[in-house]
Each structure stands twice: as structure tokens, then as C-alpha cells.
N, C-alpha and C. Protein backbone atom coordinates (compact mmCIF):
# COMPACT_ATOMS: atom_id res chain seq x y z
N MET A 1 -13.36 -7.30 -10.94
CA MET A 1 -13.37 -5.74 -10.85
C MET A 1 -13.85 -6.68 -8.79
N SER A 2 -13.07 -7.81 -8.25
CA SER A 2 -13.14 -7.97 -7.19
C SER A 2 -12.30 -7.55 -6.12
N GLU A 3 -11.73 -6.77 -6.98
CA GLU A 3 -9.83 -6.91 -6.51
C GLU A 3 -10.78 -5.36 -5.47
N TYR A 4 -10.99 -5.11 -5.89
CA TYR A 4 -11.25 -3.60 -5.00
C TYR A 4 -13.30 -3.93 -3.86
N ASP A 5 -13.23 -3.12 -2.97
CA ASP A 5 -13.92 -3.26 -2.38
C ASP A 5 -15.08 -2.56 -3.02
N GLU A 6 -16.00 -3.02 -2.35
CA GLU A 6 -17.77 -3.02 -3.22
C GLU A 6 -17.92 -1.73 -3.02
N LYS A 7 -17.43 -0.59 -1.44
CA LYS A 7 -18.04 0.04 -1.38
C LYS A 7 -17.55 1.36 -1.78
N LEU A 8 -15.81 1.34 -2.15
CA LEU A 8 -15.62 1.78 -3.34
C LEU A 8 -15.29 2.16 -4.43
N VAL A 9 -15.68 0.95 -5.07
CA VAL A 9 -16.85 0.77 -6.54
C VAL A 9 -17.78 1.92 -6.27
N GLN A 10 -18.51 1.32 -5.72
CA GLN A 10 -19.84 1.96 -5.70
C GLN A 10 -19.76 3.68 -5.29
N ALA A 11 -19.03 4.15 -4.43
CA ALA A 11 -19.42 5.21 -4.02
C ALA A 11 -18.19 5.77 -6.22
N VAL A 12 -17.70 5.33 -6.46
CA VAL A 12 -17.27 6.37 -7.68
C VAL A 12 -18.79 5.66 -8.72
N ARG A 13 -19.26 4.87 -8.70
CA ARG A 13 -20.51 4.67 -9.53
C ARG A 13 -21.36 5.50 -9.27
N GLU A 14 -22.52 6.23 -7.63
CA GLU A 14 -22.49 6.56 -7.83
C GLU A 14 -22.33 8.43 -8.00
N GLY A 15 -20.61 8.33 -7.60
CA GLY A 15 -19.94 9.61 -7.91
C GLY A 15 -20.33 10.12 -10.03
N ALA A 16 -20.16 9.40 -10.40
CA ALA A 16 -20.77 9.78 -11.82
C ALA A 16 -21.82 10.36 -12.15
N LYS A 17 -22.01 10.56 -12.93
CA LYS A 17 -23.24 11.61 -13.22
C LYS A 17 -22.92 11.44 -15.30
N GLU A 18 -24.17 10.93 -14.90
CA GLU A 18 -24.10 9.96 -16.99
C GLU A 18 -22.59 10.23 -17.24
N GLY A 19 -22.08 9.02 -16.20
CA GLY A 19 -20.60 7.74 -16.80
C GLY A 19 -19.44 8.82 -16.74
N LYS A 20 -19.64 10.37 -16.54
CA LYS A 20 -18.86 11.32 -16.25
C LYS A 20 -18.46 11.07 -14.43
N LEU A 21 -17.10 11.27 -13.87
CA LEU A 21 -17.29 11.47 -12.61
C LEU A 21 -15.71 13.21 -12.46
N SER A 22 -16.20 14.00 -12.45
CA SER A 22 -15.07 15.11 -12.51
C SER A 22 -13.56 14.54 -10.99
N CYS A 23 -12.85 15.16 -11.61
CA CYS A 23 -11.77 15.46 -11.30
C CYS A 23 -11.55 15.61 -9.91
N THR A 24 -12.16 16.32 -9.66
CA THR A 24 -12.48 16.69 -7.69
C THR A 24 -12.59 15.89 -6.70
N ALA A 25 -14.13 15.05 -7.52
CA ALA A 25 -14.49 14.03 -6.62
C ALA A 25 -14.55 13.26 -6.76
N ALA A 26 -13.10 12.03 -7.42
CA ALA A 26 -12.21 11.71 -7.58
C ALA A 26 -11.72 11.12 -6.57
N ARG A 27 -10.96 13.04 -6.48
CA ARG A 27 -9.81 13.03 -5.62
C ARG A 27 -9.96 12.68 -4.12
N LYS A 28 -11.87 13.08 -3.83
CA LYS A 28 -12.02 13.56 -3.04
C LYS A 28 -12.75 11.87 -2.25
N ILE A 29 -13.41 11.06 -2.89
CA ILE A 29 -12.84 9.29 -3.33
C ILE A 29 -11.76 8.87 -2.49
N ALA A 30 -10.30 8.70 -3.95
CA ALA A 30 -9.64 8.32 -2.53
C ALA A 30 -9.26 8.64 -1.45
N GLY A 31 -8.48 10.02 -0.87
CA GLY A 31 -9.37 10.57 0.10
C GLY A 31 -10.23 10.05 1.46
N GLU A 32 -11.49 9.74 1.80
CA GLU A 32 -12.00 9.17 1.73
C GLU A 32 -11.86 7.74 2.59
N PHE A 33 -11.33 7.17 1.13
CA PHE A 33 -10.96 4.96 0.87
C PHE A 33 -9.81 5.20 1.31
N LYS A 34 -8.15 5.51 1.14
CA LYS A 34 -6.75 6.18 1.36
C LYS A 34 -6.65 5.21 0.94
N VAL A 35 -6.75 6.28 -1.09
CA VAL A 35 -6.24 5.02 -2.14
C VAL A 35 -5.93 5.61 -2.39
N PRO A 36 -4.82 5.54 -3.32
CA PRO A 36 -4.09 6.51 -4.91
C PRO A 36 -5.52 7.00 -5.58
N PRO A 37 -5.33 8.69 -6.44
CA PRO A 37 -5.66 7.92 -7.42
C PRO A 37 -6.21 7.33 -7.99
N LYS A 38 -4.96 6.42 -8.82
CA LYS A 38 -4.85 5.95 -10.14
C LYS A 38 -5.68 4.64 -9.24
N VAL A 39 -6.16 4.40 -8.35
CA VAL A 39 -7.11 3.15 -7.80
C VAL A 39 -8.31 3.55 -8.77
N ILE A 40 -8.40 5.15 -8.86
CA ILE A 40 -10.27 5.92 -8.85
C ILE A 40 -10.41 5.69 -10.09
N GLY A 41 -8.97 6.40 -11.00
CA GLY A 41 -8.90 5.98 -12.23
C GLY A 41 -8.71 5.02 -12.78
N ASP A 42 -8.91 3.51 -12.36
CA ASP A 42 -8.74 2.47 -12.73
C ASP A 42 -9.91 1.79 -12.44
N ILE A 43 -11.24 1.91 -11.23
CA ILE A 43 -12.16 1.61 -11.47
C ILE A 43 -12.53 2.58 -12.30
N CYS A 44 -12.90 3.96 -12.50
CA CYS A 44 -13.47 4.57 -13.95
C CYS A 44 -13.63 3.72 -15.10
N ASP A 45 -12.57 3.30 -15.42
CA ASP A 45 -11.80 2.55 -16.45
C ASP A 45 -12.71 1.36 -16.48
N LEU A 46 -11.92 0.77 -15.51
CA LEU A 46 -13.66 -0.58 -15.84
C LEU A 46 -15.06 -0.94 -16.18
N ASN A 47 -15.82 0.73 -16.17
CA ASN A 47 -17.55 1.23 -15.13
C ASN A 47 -16.95 1.77 -16.68
N LYS A 48 -15.85 2.20 -17.54
CA LYS A 48 -16.10 2.75 -18.69
C LYS A 48 -16.66 4.46 -18.64
N ILE A 49 -15.36 5.37 -16.90
CA ILE A 49 -16.52 6.35 -16.72
C ILE A 49 -14.88 6.78 -17.15
N LYS A 50 -15.44 8.10 -17.20
CA LYS A 50 -14.70 9.79 -18.21
C LYS A 50 -14.93 9.97 -16.43
N ILE A 51 -13.86 11.09 -16.33
CA ILE A 51 -12.90 11.58 -15.81
C ILE A 51 -12.87 12.56 -16.26
N LYS A 52 -13.40 14.02 -15.51
CA LYS A 52 -14.17 15.60 -16.53
C LYS A 52 -12.53 16.73 -15.30
N ALA A 53 -13.24 17.68 -16.05
CA ALA A 53 -12.42 18.75 -15.44
C ALA A 53 -11.07 18.45 -14.78
N CYS A 54 -10.20 17.58 -14.97
CA CYS A 54 -8.69 16.37 -14.09
C CYS A 54 -8.42 18.59 -14.39
N GLU A 55 -7.23 17.81 -13.00
CA GLU A 55 -6.52 20.06 -12.59
C GLU A 55 -5.46 19.07 -12.09
N LEU A 56 -4.99 17.73 -12.14
CA LEU A 56 -3.49 17.86 -11.56
C LEU A 56 -2.86 16.99 -12.57
N GLY A 57 -3.60 15.50 -13.74
CA GLY A 57 -3.30 15.76 -14.36
C GLY A 57 -2.74 14.05 -13.83
N CYS A 58 -3.76 13.70 -12.50
CA CYS A 58 -4.33 12.68 -12.23
C CYS A 58 -3.80 11.23 -12.37
N PHE A 59 -4.70 11.76 -13.54
CA PHE A 59 -5.80 10.87 -14.03
C PHE A 59 -5.47 10.23 -15.54
């Protein structure tokens, strides 16, 4: 997990409620940190966080 910025990982963890992160929140975090949505998806996978309400099929 060290390959990801700790602030980014923390933002994903904080955004996840009950182990779930909305697609909207995931895309917002990706935009704030200027990373592709796939990076957020990878972080979610590593932290066993599910993406919910996916709008564009990005995850």
C-alpha cells in the first residue's frame, strides 16, 4: 500500500461509510488528488471498500 499517498488513502477511508464509498465520492476524491478513478478503485480493493451507486462503470 505504500505506493499510494497516505493522504489519498486516508481520504478514501474517511469517505467510506460502513465499508462503502459512493461512485460520486470516489470520482470527487480522484479529481481532488488528480489521479485516475482506477487508483481510487485499487485503494478501495486493498481496503475491502465497496463502490456503491456506480454511475459510469468506472469501478
